[in-house]
Protein backbone atom coordinates (compact mmCIF):
# COMPACT_ATOMS: atom_id res chain seq x y z
CA MET A 1 0.00 0.00 0.00
CA ALA A 2 1.40 3.39 -0.99
CA ILE A 3 1.91 6.12 1.57
CA PRO A 4 -0.13 9.24 0.72
CA ILE A 5 1.98 12.15 -0.48
CA ARG A 6 0.55 14.30 2.33
CA ASN A 7 2.24 12.02 4.89
CA THR A 8 5.52 12.22 3.00
CA VAL A 9 5.36 16.02 2.94
CA PHE A 10 4.58 16.15 6.66
CA ASP A 11 7.48 13.78 7.43
CA LYS A 12 9.85 16.06 5.50
CA ILE A 13 8.64 19.10 7.44
CA LYS A 14 8.86 17.24 10.75
CA GLU A 15 12.44 16.11 10.03
CA SER A 16 13.67 19.63 9.50
CA GLY A 17 11.38 21.36 11.99
CA SER A 18 11.25 24.52 9.90
CA LEU A 19 11.98 25.23 6.24
CA THR A 20 10.81 27.33 3.31
CA ASP A 21 8.39 26.14 0.65
CA VAL A 22 11.22 26.32 -1.93
CA GLU A 23 13.45 24.08 0.20
CA LEU A 24 10.59 21.64 0.75
CA ASN A 25 9.76 21.47 -2.93
CA LYS A 26 13.44 20.84 -3.80
CA SER A 27 13.69 18.14 -1.14
CA LEU A 28 10.58 16.40 -2.46
CA ALA A 29 11.83 16.63 -6.05
CA LYS A 30 15.15 15.13 -4.97
CA ASP A 31 13.26 12.13 -3.56
CA GLY A 32 11.27 11.73 -6.78
CA TYR A 33 8.05 13.52 -5.79
CA VAL A 34 7.43 16.22 -8.39
CA LEU A 35 4.27 18.12 -7.51
CA ALA A 36 2.40 20.77 -9.43
CA ASP A 37 2.09 24.08 -7.59
CA ASP A 38 -1.65 23.73 -7.04
CA ARG A 39 -1.25 20.20 -5.61
CA PHE A 40 1.65 21.35 -3.40
CA ASN A 41 -0.40 24.29 -2.07
CA LYS A 42 -3.42 22.03 -1.46
CA ILE A 43 -1.30 19.63 0.60
CA LEU A 44 0.11 22.51 2.67
CA LEU A 45 -3.40 23.90 3.20
CA ASP A 46 -4.72 20.49 4.28
CA LEU A 47 -1.88 20.05 6.78
CA GLU A 48 -2.45 23.55 8.14
CA ILE A 49 -6.20 22.96 8.51
CA LEU A 50 -5.47 19.72 10.38
CA GLY A 51 -3.33 21.76 12.78
CA LEU A 52 -0.11 19.92 11.97
CA ILE A 53 1.87 22.77 10.43
CA LYS A 54 2.00 26.55 10.42
CA VAL A 55 2.63 28.46 7.18
CA SER A 56 3.63 32.11 7.19
CA TRP A 57 4.87 34.45 4.48
CA ILE A 58 8.51 35.56 4.61
CA THR A 59 8.65 37.46 1.34
CA LYS A 60 6.29 37.96 -1.56
CA ASP A 61 7.31 34.64 -3.12
CA GLU A 62 8.53 32.60 -0.15
CA ARG A 63 6.78 30.97 2.80
CA ARG A 64 8.09 29.57 6.08
CA ILE A 65 6.67 26.16 7.00
CA GLU A 66 6.97 24.94 10.58
CA VAL A 67 5.66 22.02 12.57
CA PHE A 68 2.90 23.28 14.85
CA VAL A 69 3.79 22.57 18.45
CA VAL A 70 1.06 22.72 21.06
CA GLU A 71 2.44 23.59 24.44
CA GLU A 72 0.40 21.83 27.05
CA GLU A 73 -0.27 24.06 30.02
CA ILE A 74 0.19 22.29 33.32
CA ASP A 75 -2.34 23.24 35.95
CA GLU A 76 -0.51 23.33 39.30
CA ILE A 77 -3.61 22.52 41.36
CA GLU A 78 -4.48 19.61 39.08
CA GLN A 79 -0.91 18.31 39.39
CA GLN A 80 -1.02 18.56 43.19
CA ASN A 81 -4.37 16.73 43.30
CA LYS A 82 -2.99 13.97 41.11
CA GLU A 83 0.09 13.54 43.30
CA ALA A 84 -2.07 13.47 46.46
CA MET A 85 -4.35 10.82 44.94
CA GLU A 86 -1.32 8.70 44.01
CA ARG A 87 0.08 8.97 47.56
CA ASP A 88 -3.30 8.07 49.06
CA TYR A 89 -3.62 5.10 46.73
CA GLU A 90 -0.14 3.82 47.62
CA ALA A 91 -0.84 4.36 51.33
CA SER A 92 -4.01 2.27 51.06
CA PHE A 93 -1.92 -0.91 50.82
CA PRO A 94 -0.75 -1.68 54.37
CA GLY A 95 2.35 -3.77 54.78
CA LEU A 96 3.94 -2.72 51.49
CA GLU A 97 6.89 -0.42 51.95
CA LYS A 98 9.28 1.00 49.46
């Protein structure tokens, strides 16, 4: 079964972390994936809609493509509650000591 080109494009972006659309297109062409501009733009748009990448314009003709990283905010109170529940659970087994 063939891997969809969208996955290949995403893997290329993920490997480099951040690159321009020109660099990405050259890298794909080097690996044997020659894409028309409209197909290339459609793939980038799909990946951006899915929330996997972020595309921003650098110059009039060049775009920066980056992997979208979601920073997970840690709630301190939630973390403390979780730790307390774990301690209580471990303390509920009498006779077992670390």
